[in-house]
Every structure is written in structure tokens, then in C-alpha cells.
Amino acid sequence: TKRINKIVSGVKVRGLVAGDVADLDRLAQAGDNDLVPIAN
């Protein structure tokens, strides 16, 4: 059970993006039915 708890705490949805792509961060935090404008 302790091992399960440790692994579950480490299972997170994480990703890498280019440092200048700020629009993708706003896209990740958008709510339901939100439209996020993205340049380029």
C-alpha cells in the first residue's frame, strides 16, 4: 500500500514544450467550451 501511494503521487500528466510557446500553456488551462486563440 505504501508503494502504491508513492507511485500514485508520482503519476502526473506532465509535458515539455518550446520555451516561447506561451499559447500552449493557456490552452492547457482552458475550461470546457473555451476557445483559445493561438498565433502561428
PDB file of all heavy atoms in Angstrom:
ATOM      1  N   THR A   1       0.825  -1.208   0.000  1.00  0.00           N
ATOM      2  CA  THR A   1       0.000   0.000   0.000  1.00  0.00           C
ATOM      3  C   THR A   1       0.861   1.262   0.000  1.00  0.00           C
ATOM      4  O   THR A   1       0.572   2.228  -0.722  1.00  0.00           O
ATOM      5  CB  THR A   1      -0.928  -0.002   1.221  1.00  0.00           C
ATOM      6  OG1 THR A   1      -1.767  -1.155   1.173  1.00  0.00           O
ATOM      7  CG2 THR A   1      -1.800   1.247   1.247  1.00  0.00           C
ATOM      8  N   LYS A   2       1.920   1.267   0.789  1.00  0.00           N
ATOM      9  CA  LYS A   2       2.820   2.434   0.802  1.00  0.00           C
ATOM     10  C   LYS A   2       3.470   2.631  -0.556  1.00  0.00           C
ATOM     11  O   LYS A   2       3.648   3.770  -1.022  1.00  0.00           O
ATOM     12  CB  LYS A   2       3.889   2.247   1.886  1.00  0.00           C
ATOM     13  CG  LYS A   2       3.389   2.483   3.320  1.00  0.00           C
ATOM     14  CD  LYS A   2       4.518   2.321   4.324  1.00  0.00           C
ATOM     15  CE  LYS A   2       4.137   2.844   5.713  1.00  0.00           C
ATOM     16  NZ  LYS A   2       3.011   2.165   6.314  1.00  0.00           N
ATOM     17  N   ARG A   3       3.845   1.522  -1.213  1.00  0.00           N
ATOM     18  CA  ARG A   3       4.461   1.631  -2.540  1.00  0.00           C
ATOM     19  C   ARG A   3       3.449   2.152  -3.562  1.00  0.00           C
ATOM     20  O   ARG A   3       3.788   2.961  -4.425  1.00  0.00           O
ATOM     21  CB  ARG A   3       4.984   0.256  -2.958  1.00  0.00           C
ATOM     22  CG  ARG A   3       5.826   0.275  -4.225  1.00  0.00           C
ATOM     23  CD  ARG A   3       6.633  -0.999  -4.331  1.00  0.00           C
ATOM     24  NE  ARG A   3       7.578  -1.105  -3.222  1.00  0.00           N
ATOM     25  CZ  ARG A   3       8.246  -2.223  -2.927  1.00  0.00           C
ATOM     26  NH1 ARG A   3       8.053  -3.321  -3.662  1.00  0.00           N
ATOM     27  NH2 ARG A   3       9.081  -2.248  -1.920  1.00  0.00           N
ATOM     28  N   ILE A   4       2.214   1.706  -3.455  1.00  0.00           N
ATOM     29  CA  ILE A   4       1.172   2.211  -4.348  1.00  0.00           C
ATOM     30  C   ILE A   4       1.004   3.711  -4.162  1.00  0.00           C
ATOM     31  O   ILE A   4       0.905   4.472  -5.133  1.00  0.00           O
ATOM     32  CB  ILE A   4      -0.155   1.470  -4.086  1.00  0.00           C
ATOM     33  CG1 ILE A   4      -0.074   0.026  -4.598  1.00  0.00           C
ATOM     34  CG2 ILE A   4      -1.325   2.195  -4.756  1.00  0.00           C
ATOM     35  CD1 ILE A   4      -1.289  -0.810  -4.275  1.00  0.00           C
ATOM     36  N   ASN A   5       0.982   4.153  -2.907  1.00  0.00           N
ATOM     37  CA  ASN A   5       0.807   5.587  -2.632  1.00  0.00           C
ATOM     38  C   ASN A   5       1.937   6.413  -3.232  1.00  0.00           C
ATOM     39  O   ASN A   5       1.712   7.509  -3.772  1.00  0.00           O
ATOM     40  CB  ASN A   5       0.726   5.823  -1.125  1.00  0.00           C
ATOM     41  CG  ASN A   5      -0.530   5.221  -0.512  1.00  0.00           C
ATOM     42  OD1 ASN A   5      -1.517   4.995  -1.208  1.00  0.00           O
ATOM     43  ND2 ASN A   5      -0.488   4.946   0.782  1.00  0.00           N
ATOM     44  N   LYS A   6       3.171   5.917  -3.131  1.00  0.00           N
ATOM     45  CA  LYS A   6       4.301   6.660  -3.683  1.00  0.00           C
ATOM     46  C   LYS A   6       4.231   6.740  -5.201  1.00  0.00           C
ATOM     47  O   LYS A   6       4.501   7.793  -5.797  1.00  0.00           O
ATOM     48  CB  LYS A   6       5.612   6.002  -3.244  1.00  0.00           C
ATOM     49  CG  LYS A   6       5.919   6.164  -1.770  1.00  0.00           C
ATOM     50  CD  LYS A   6       7.248   5.515  -1.414  1.00  0.00           C
ATOM     51  CE  LYS A   6       7.567   5.708   0.068  1.00  0.00           C
ATOM     52  NZ  LYS A   6       8.856   5.063   0.443  1.00  0.00           N
ATOM     53  N   ILE A   7       3.865   5.624  -5.828  1.00  0.00           N
ATOM     54  CA  ILE A   7       3.799   5.627  -7.287  1.00  0.00           C
ATOM     55  C   ILE A   7       2.650   6.505  -7.768  1.00  0.00           C
ATOM     56  O   ILE A   7       2.785   7.257  -8.738  1.00  0.00           O
ATOM     57  CB  ILE A   7       3.653   4.182  -7.816  1.00  0.00           C
ATOM     58  CG1 ILE A   7       4.920   3.380  -7.490  1.00  0.00           C
ATOM     59  CG2 ILE A   7       3.406   4.175  -9.322  1.00  0.00           C
ATOM     60  CD1 ILE A   7       4.840   1.927  -7.893  1.00  0.00           C
ATOM     61  N   VAL A   8       1.498   6.419  -7.083  1.00  0.00           N
ATOM     62  CA  VAL A   8       0.357   7.250  -7.480  1.00  0.00           C
ATOM     63  C   VAL A   8       0.699   8.733  -7.364  1.00  0.00           C
ATOM     64  O   VAL A   8       0.312   9.545  -8.212  1.00  0.00           O
ATOM     65  CB  VAL A   8      -0.872   6.907  -6.606  1.00  0.00           C
ATOM     66  CG1 VAL A   8      -1.976   7.933  -6.807  1.00  0.00           C
ATOM     67  CG2 VAL A   8      -1.389   5.516  -6.955  1.00  0.00           C
ATOM     68  N   SER A   9       1.432   9.095  -6.320  1.00  0.00           N
ATOM     69  CA  SER A   9       1.798  10.509  -6.168  1.00  0.00           C
ATOM     70  C   SER A   9       2.731  10.981  -7.283  1.00  0.00           C
ATOM     71  O   SER A   9       2.805  12.177  -7.568  1.00  0.00           O
ATOM     72  CB  SER A   9       2.482  10.726  -4.809  1.00  0.00           C
ATOM     73  OG  SER A   9       3.705  10.010  -4.733  1.00  0.00           O
ATOM     74  N   GLY A  10       3.442  10.042  -7.905  1.00  0.00           N
ATOM     75  CA  GLY A  10       4.344  10.427  -8.994  1.00  0.00           C
ATOM     76  C   GLY A  10       3.724  10.349 -10.372  1.00  0.00           C
ATOM     77  O   GLY A  10       4.323  10.818 -11.351  1.00  0.00           O
ATOM     78  N   VAL A  11       2.538   9.726 -10.478  1.00  0.00           N
ATOM     79  CA  VAL A  11       1.870   9.615 -11.776  1.00  0.00           C
ATOM     80  C   VAL A  11       1.111  10.914 -12.043  1.00  0.00           C
ATOM     81  O   VAL A  11      -0.005  11.104 -11.552  1.00  0.00           O
ATOM     82  CB  VAL A  11       0.929   8.400 -11.807  1.00  0.00           C
ATOM     83  CG1 VAL A  11       0.177   8.347 -13.134  1.00  0.00           C
ATOM     84  CG2 VAL A  11       1.708   7.122 -11.602  1.00  0.00           C
ATOM     85  N   LYS A  12       1.736  11.793 -12.804  1.00  0.00           N
ATOM     86  CA  LYS A  12       1.129  13.079 -13.155  1.00  0.00           C
ATOM     87  C   LYS A  12       1.279  13.301 -14.655  1.00  0.00           C
ATOM     88  O   LYS A  12       2.258  12.867 -15.262  1.00  0.00           O
ATOM     89  CB  LYS A  12       1.816  14.229 -12.402  1.00  0.00           C
ATOM     90  CG  LYS A  12       1.738  14.118 -10.888  1.00  0.00           C
ATOM     91  CD  LYS A  12       2.501  15.262 -10.228  1.00  0.00           C
ATOM     92  CE  LYS A  12       2.457  15.131  -8.712  1.00  0.00           C
ATOM     93  NZ  LYS A  12       3.239  16.213  -8.047  1.00  0.00           N
ATOM     94  N   VAL A  13       0.297  13.973 -15.226  1.00  0.00           N
ATOM     95  CA  VAL A  13       0.359  14.303 -16.652  1.00  0.00           C
ATOM     96  C   VAL A  13       1.238  15.538 -16.804  1.00  0.00           C
ATOM     97  O   VAL A  13       0.853  16.651 -16.458  1.00  0.00           O
ATOM     98  CB  VAL A  13      -1.051  14.562 -17.224  1.00  0.00           C
ATOM     99  CG1 VAL A  13      -0.958  14.926 -18.696  1.00  0.00           C
ATOM    100  CG2 VAL A  13      -1.921  13.338 -17.027  1.00  0.00           C
ATOM    101  N   ARG A  14       2.473  15.343 -17.301  1.00  0.00           N
ATOM    102  CA  ARG A  14       3.438  16.415 -17.472  1.00  0.00           C
ATOM    103  C   ARG A  14       4.023  16.339 -18.878  1.00  0.00           C
ATOM    104  O   ARG A  14       4.146  15.261 -19.456  1.00  0.00           O
ATOM    105  CB  ARG A  14       4.558  16.301 -16.430  1.00  0.00           C
ATOM    106  CG  ARG A  14       4.084  16.528 -14.998  1.00  0.00           C
ATOM    107  CD  ARG A  14       5.144  16.151 -13.993  1.00  0.00           C
ATOM    108  NE  ARG A  14       5.300  14.699 -13.931  1.00  0.00           N
ATOM    109  CZ  ARG A  14       6.095  14.075 -13.047  1.00  0.00           C
ATOM    110  NH1 ARG A  14       6.790  14.787 -12.190  1.00  0.00           N
ATOM    111  NH2 ARG A  14       6.184  12.768 -13.046  1.00  0.00           N
ATOM    112  N   GLY A  15       4.383  17.492 -19.420  1.00  0.00           N
ATOM    113  CA  GLY A  15       4.925  17.532 -20.779  1.00  0.00           C
ATOM    114  C   GLY A  15       5.923  18.664 -20.954  1.00  0.00           C
ATOM    115  O   GLY A  15       6.048  19.555 -20.115  1.00  0.00           O
ATOM    116  N   LEU A  16       6.646  18.617 -22.080  1.00  0.00           N
ATOM    117  CA  LEU A  16       7.645  19.617 -22.432  1.00  0.00           C
ATOM    118  C   LEU A  16       7.202  20.351 -23.684  1.00  0.00           C
ATOM    119  O   LEU A  16       6.729  19.737 -24.648  1.00  0.00           O
ATOM    120  CB  LEU A  16       9.005  18.952 -22.661  1.00  0.00           C
ATOM    121  CG  LEU A  16       9.572  18.116 -21.498  1.00  0.00           C
ATOM    122  CD1 LEU A  16      10.853  17.411 -21.936  1.00  0.00           C
ATOM    123  CD2 LEU A  16       9.837  19.002 -20.291  1.00  0.00           C
ATOM    124  N   VAL A  17       7.336  21.659 -23.670  1.00  0.00           N
ATOM    125  CA  VAL A  17       7.028  22.475 -24.845  1.00  0.00           C
ATOM    126  C   VAL A  17       8.181  23.448 -25.054  1.00  0.00           C
ATOM    127  O   VAL A  17       9.009  23.676 -24.154  1.00  0.00           O
ATOM    128  CB  VAL A  17       5.708  23.269 -24.656  1.00  0.00           C
ATOM    129  CG1 VAL A  17       4.542  22.330 -24.519  1.00  0.00           C
ATOM    130  CG2 VAL A  17       5.796  24.196 -23.457  1.00  0.00           C
ATOM    131  N   ALA A  18       8.234  24.038 -26.241  1.00  0.00           N
ATOM    132  CA  ALA A  18       9.248  25.045 -26.518  1.00  0.00           C
ATOM    133  C   ALA A  18       9.061  26.238 -25.586  1.00  0.00           C
ATOM    134  O   ALA A  18       7.930  26.603 -25.232  1.00  0.00           O
ATOM    135  CB  ALA A  18       9.172  25.502 -27.971  1.00  0.00           C
ATOM    136  N   GLY A  19      10.158  26.849 -25.219  1.00  0.00           N
ATOM    137  CA  GLY A  19      10.089  27.913 -24.236  1.00  0.00           C
ATOM    138  C   GLY A  19       9.298  29.124 -24.667  1.00  0.00           C
ATOM    139  O   GLY A  19       8.788  29.860 -23.835  1.00  0.00           O
ATOM    140  N   ASP A  20       9.150  29.345 -25.975  1.00  0.00           N
ATOM    141  CA  ASP A  20       8.447  30.535 -26.444  1.00  0.00           C
ATOM    142  C   ASP A  20       7.009  30.269 -26.844  1.00  0.00           C
ATOM    143  O   ASP A  20       6.360  31.108 -27.441  1.00  0.00           O
ATOM    144  CB  ASP A  20       9.199  31.149 -27.635  1.00  0.00           C
ATOM    145  CG  ASP A  20       9.358  30.147 -28.776  1.00  0.00           C
ATOM    146  OD1 ASP A  20       9.066  28.957 -28.536  1.00  0.00           O
ATOM    147  OD2 ASP A  20       9.769  30.547 -29.875  1.00  0.00           O
ATOM    148  N   VAL A  21       6.497  29.067 -26.565  1.00  0.00           N
ATOM    149  CA  VAL A  21       5.117  28.742 -26.942  1.00  0.00           C
ATOM    150  C   VAL A  21       4.223  28.990 -25.716  1.00  0.00           C
ATOM    151  O   VAL A  21       3.831  28.066 -25.017  1.00  0.00           O
ATOM    152  CB  VAL A  21       5.001  27.283 -27.431  1.00  0.00           C
ATOM    153  CG1 VAL A  21       3.591  27.038 -27.982  1.00  0.00           C
ATOM    154  CG2 VAL A  21       6.034  26.985 -28.490  1.00  0.00           C
ATOM    155  N   ALA A  22       3.907  30.242 -25.455  1.00  0.00           N
ATOM    156  CA  ALA A  22       3.080  30.593 -24.298  1.00  0.00           C
ATOM    157  C   ALA A  22       1.618  30.257 -24.530  1.00  0.00           C
ATOM    158  O   ALA A  22       0.867  30.027 -23.579  1.00  0.00           O
ATOM    159  CB  ALA A  22       3.231  32.088 -23.984  1.00  0.00           C
ATOM    160  N   ASP A  23       1.199  30.228 -25.803  1.00  0.00           N
ATOM    161  CA  ASP A  23      -0.205  29.941 -26.090  1.00  0.00           C
ATOM    162  C   ASP A  23      -0.593  28.529 -25.655  1.00  0.00           C
ATOM    163  O   ASP A  23      -1.740  28.285 -25.266  1.00  0.00           O
ATOM    164  CB  ASP A  23      -0.483  30.115 -27.586  1.00  0.00           C
ATOM    165  CG  ASP A  23      -0.337  31.564 -28.021  1.00  0.00           C
ATOM    166  OD1 ASP A  23      -0.512  32.447 -27.145  1.00  0.00           O
ATOM    167  OD2 ASP A  23      -0.054  31.807 -29.195  1.00  0.00           O
ATOM    168  N   LEU A  24       0.349  27.575 -25.694  1.00  0.00           N
ATOM    169  CA  LEU A  24       0.035  26.207 -25.315  1.00  0.00           C
ATOM    170  C   LEU A  24      -0.259  26.098 -23.810  1.00  0.00           C
ATOM    171  O   LEU A  24      -1.052  25.274 -23.381  1.00  0.00           O
ATOM    172  CB  LEU A  24       1.190  25.269 -25.690  1.00  0.00           C
ATOM    173  CG  LEU A  24       1.447  25.092 -27.191  1.00  0.00           C
ATOM    174  CD1 LEU A  24       2.583  24.111 -27.408  1.00  0.00           C
ATOM    175  CD2 LEU A  24       0.189  24.605 -27.898  1.00  0.00           C
ATOM    176  N   ASP A  25       0.390  26.940 -23.011  1.00  0.00           N
ATOM    177  CA  ASP A  25       0.117  26.928 -21.577  1.00  0.00           C
ATOM    178  C   ASP A  25      -1.299  27.408 -21.304  1.00  0.00           C
ATOM    179  O   ASP A  25      -2.003  26.849 -20.458  1.00  0.00           O
ATOM    180  CB  ASP A  25       1.124  27.821 -20.855  1.00  0.00           C
ATOM    181  CG  ASP A  25       0.905  27.808 -19.342  1.00  0.00           C
ATOM    182  OD1 ASP A  25       0.966  26.720 -18.742  1.00  0.00           O
ATOM    183  OD2 ASP A  25       0.644  28.881 -18.776  1.00  0.00           O
ATOM    184  N   ARG A  26      -1.753  28.446 -22.047  1.00  0.00           N
ATOM    185  CA  ARG A  26      -3.124  28.925 -21.898  1.00  0.00           C
ATOM    186  C   ARG A  26      -4.109  27.872 -22.382  1.00  0.00           C
ATOM    187  O   ARG A  26      -5.193  27.704 -21.834  1.00  0.00           O
ATOM    188  CB  ARG A  26      -3.328  30.230 -22.662  1.00  0.00           C
ATOM    189  CG  ARG A  26      -2.547  31.394 -22.046  1.00  0.00           C
ATOM    190  CD  ARG A  26      -2.950  32.744 -22.637  1.00  0.00           C
ATOM    191  NE  ARG A  26      -2.527  32.848 -24.028  1.00  0.00           N
ATOM    192  CZ  ARG A  26      -3.377  32.921 -25.051  1.00  0.00           C
ATOM    193  NH1 ARG A  26      -4.675  32.855 -24.839  1.00  0.00           N
ATOM    194  NH2 ARG A  26      -2.921  33.034 -26.282  1.00  0.00           N
ATOM    195  N   LEU A  27      -3.729  27.118 -23.390  1.00  0.00           N
ATOM    196  CA  LEU A  27      -4.588  26.056 -23.896  1.00  0.00           C
ATOM    197  C   LEU A  27      -4.751  24.940 -22.860  1.00  0.00           C
ATOM    198  O   LEU A  27      -5.836  24.394 -22.681  1.00  0.00           O
ATOM    199  CB  LEU A  27      -3.998  25.489 -25.188  1.00  0.00           C
ATOM    200  CG  LEU A  27      -4.762  24.321 -25.831  1.00  0.00           C
ATOM    201  CD1 LEU A  27      -6.166  24.759 -26.235  1.00  0.00           C
ATOM    202  CD2 LEU A  27      -3.999  23.776 -27.040  1.00  0.00           C
ATOM    203  N   ALA A  28      -3.684  24.606 -22.134  1.00  0.00           N
ATOM    204  CA  ALA A  28      -3.746  23.543 -21.136  1.00  0.00           C
ATOM    205  C   ALA A  28      -4.641  23.917 -19.959  1.00  0.00           C
ATOM    206  O   ALA A  28      -5.223  23.047 -19.306  1.00  0.00           O
ATOM    207  CB  ALA A  28      -2.345  23.220 -20.635  1.00  0.00           C
ATOM    208  N   GLN A  29      -4.776  25.209 -19.670  1.00  0.00           N
ATOM    209  CA  GLN A  29      -5.575  25.669 -18.530  1.00  0.00           C
ATOM    210  C   GLN A  29      -6.979  26.111 -18.922  1.00  0.00           C
ATOM    211  O   GLN A  29      -7.726  26.589 -18.083  1.00  0.00           O
ATOM    212  CB  GLN A  29      -4.856  26.831 -17.832  1.00  0.00           C
ATOM    213  CG  GLN A  29      -3.480  26.457 -17.299  1.00  0.00           C
ATOM    214  CD  GLN A  29      -2.826  27.600 -16.558  1.00  0.00           C
ATOM    215  OE1 GLN A  29      -3.505  28.507 -16.090  1.00  0.00           O
ATOM    216  NE2 GLN A  29      -1.505  27.571 -16.452  1.00  0.00           N
ATOM    217  N   ALA A  30      -7.345  25.926 -20.193  1.00  0.00           N
ATOM    218  CA  ALA A  30      -8.662  26.351 -20.658  1.00  0.00           C
ATOM    219  C   ALA A  30      -9.744  25.457 -20.081  1.00  0.00           C
ATOM    220  O   ALA A  30      -9.521  24.267 -19.809  1.00  0.00           O
ATOM    221  CB  ALA A  30      -8.714  26.330 -22.179  1.00  0.00           C
ATOM    222  N   GLY A  31     -10.936  26.043 -19.877  1.00  0.00           N
ATOM    223  CA  GLY A  31     -12.059  25.297 -19.360  1.00  0.00           C
ATOM    224  C   GLY A  31     -12.886  24.669 -20.461  1.00  0.00           C
ATOM    225  O   GLY A  31     -12.507  24.707 -21.654  1.00  0.00           O
ATOM    226  N   ASP A  32     -14.059  24.096 -20.058  1.00  0.00           N
ATOM    227  CA  ASP A  32     -14.933  23.469 -21.043  1.00  0.00           C
ATOM    228  C   ASP A  32     -15.464  24.517 -22.015  1.00  0.00           C
ATOM    229  O   ASP A  32     -15.898  25.610 -21.622  1.00  0.00           O
ATOM    230  CB  ASP A  32     -16.107  22.769 -20.345  1.00  0.00           C
ATOM    231  CG  ASP A  32     -15.626  21.605 -19.491  1.00  0.00           C
ATOM    232  OD1 ASP A  32     -14.533  21.086 -19.765  1.00  0.00           O
ATOM    233  OD2 ASP A  32     -16.357  21.224 -18.551  1.00  0.00           O
ATOM    234  N   ASN A  33     -15.451  24.155 -23.327  1.00  0.00           N
ATOM    235  CA  ASN A  33     -16.001  25.000 -24.405  1.00  0.00           C
ATOM    236  C   ASN A  33     -15.277  26.341 -24.542  1.00  0.00           C
ATOM    237  O   ASN A  33     -15.814  27.285 -25.116  1.00  0.00           O
ATOM    238  CB  ASN A  33     -17.503  25.263 -24.181  1.00  0.00           C
ATOM    239  CG  ASN A  33     -18.320  23.984 -24.169  1.00  0.00           C
ATOM    240  OD1 ASN A  33     -18.035  23.056 -24.935  1.00  0.00           O
ATOM    241  ND2 ASN A  33     -19.325  23.914 -23.305  1.00  0.00           N
ATOM    242  N   ASP A  34     -14.074  26.450 -24.008  1.00  0.00           N
ATOM    243  CA  ASP A  34     -13.284  27.672 -24.198  1.00  0.00           C
ATOM    244  C   ASP A  34     -12.511  27.583 -25.504  1.00  0.00           C
ATOM    245  O   ASP A  34     -11.976  26.532 -25.864  1.00  0.00           O
ATOM    246  CB  ASP A  34     -12.299  27.870 -23.037  1.00  0.00           C
ATOM    247  CG  ASP A  34     -13.000  28.287 -21.753  1.00  0.00           C
ATOM    248  OD1 ASP A  34     -14.183  28.648 -21.833  1.00  0.00           O
ATOM    249  OD2 ASP A  34     -12.363  28.243 -20.682  1.00  0.00           O
ATOM    250  N   LEU A  35     -12.455  28.693 -26.225  1.00  0.00           N
ATOM    251  CA  LEU A  35     -11.673  28.800 -27.462  1.00  0.00           C
ATOM    252  C   LEU A  35     -10.458  29.665 -27.177  1.00  0.00           C
ATOM    253  O   LEU A  35     -10.581  30.806 -26.716  1.00  0.00           O
ATOM    254  CB  LEU A  35     -12.510  29.413 -28.582  1.00  0.00           C
ATOM    255  CG  LEU A  35     -13.745  28.592 -29.018  1.00  0.00           C
ATOM    256  CD1 LEU A  35     -14.546  29.340 -30.072  1.00  0.00           C
ATOM    257  CD2 LEU A  35     -13.325  27.232 -29.551  1.00  0.00           C
ATOM    258  N   VAL A  36      -9.297  29.136 -27.438  1.00  0.00           N
ATOM    259  CA  VAL A  36      -8.049  29.842 -27.143  1.00  0.00           C
ATOM    260  C   VAL A  36      -7.387  30.232 -28.451  1.00  0.00           C
ATOM    261  O   VAL A  36      -7.036  29.352 -29.263  1.00  0.00           O
ATOM    262  CB  VAL A  36      -7.107  28.949 -26.308  1.00  0.00           C
ATOM    263  CG1 VAL A  36      -5.805  29.678 -26.018  1.00  0.00           C
ATOM    264  CG2 VAL A  36      -7.790  28.516 -25.023  1.00  0.00           C
ATOM    265  N   PRO A  37      -7.212  31.520 -28.693  1.00  0.00           N
ATOM    266  CA  PRO A  37      -6.517  31.954 -29.922  1.00  0.00           C
ATOM    267  C   PRO A  37      -5.030  31.624 -29.845  1.00  0.00           C
ATOM    268  O   PRO A  37      -4.383  31.843 -28.829  1.00  0.00           O
ATOM    269  CB  PRO A  37      -6.760  33.461 -29.933  1.00  0.00           C
ATOM    270  CG  PRO A  37      -6.990  33.828 -28.506  1.00  0.00           C
ATOM    271  CD  PRO A  37      -7.669  32.659 -27.890  1.00  0.00           C
ATOM    272  N   ILE A  38      -4.506  31.061 -30.924  1.00  0.00           N
ATOM    273  CA  ILE A  38      -3.102  30.675 -30.978  1.00  0.00           C
ATOM    274  C   ILE A  38      -2.454  31.325 -32.190  1.00  0.00           C
ATOM    275  O   ILE A  38      -2.951  31.196 -33.323  1.00  0.00           O
ATOM    276  CB  ILE A  38      -2.944  29.146 -31.050  1.00  0.00           C
ATOM    277  CG1 ILE A  38      -3.547  28.487 -29.796  1.00  0.00           C
ATOM    278  CG2 ILE A  38      -1.491  28.738 -31.208  1.00  0.00           C
ATOM    279  CD1 ILE A  38      -3.470  26.979 -29.810  1.00  0.00           C
ATOM    280  N   ALA A  39      -1.374  32.022 -31.962  1.00  0.00           N
ATOM    281  CA  ALA A  39      -0.640  32.659 -33.064  1.00  0.00           C
ATOM    282  C   ALA A  39       0.156  31.611 -33.832  1.00  0.00           C
ATOM    283  O   ALA A  39       0.558  30.589 -33.280  1.00  0.00           O
ATOM    284  CB  ALA A  39       0.302  33.739 -32.507  1.00  0.00           C
ATOM    285  N   ASN A  40       0.371  31.882 -35.104  1.00  0.00           N
ATOM    286  CA  ASN A  40       1.172  30.989 -35.959  1.00  0.00           C
ATOM    287  C   ASN A  40       0.612  29.567 -35.969  1.00  0.00           C
ATOM    288  O   ASN A  40       1.317  28.582 -35.775  1.00  0.00           O
ATOM    289  CB  ASN A  40       2.637  30.958 -35.498  1.00  0.00           C
ATOM    290  CG  ASN A  40       3.279  32.330 -35.540  1.00  0.00           C
ATOM    291  OD1 ASN A  40       3.006  33.120 -36.462  1.00  0.00           O
ATOM    292  ND2 ASN A  40       4.121  32.627 -34.558  1.00  0.00           N
TER     293      ASN A  40
END
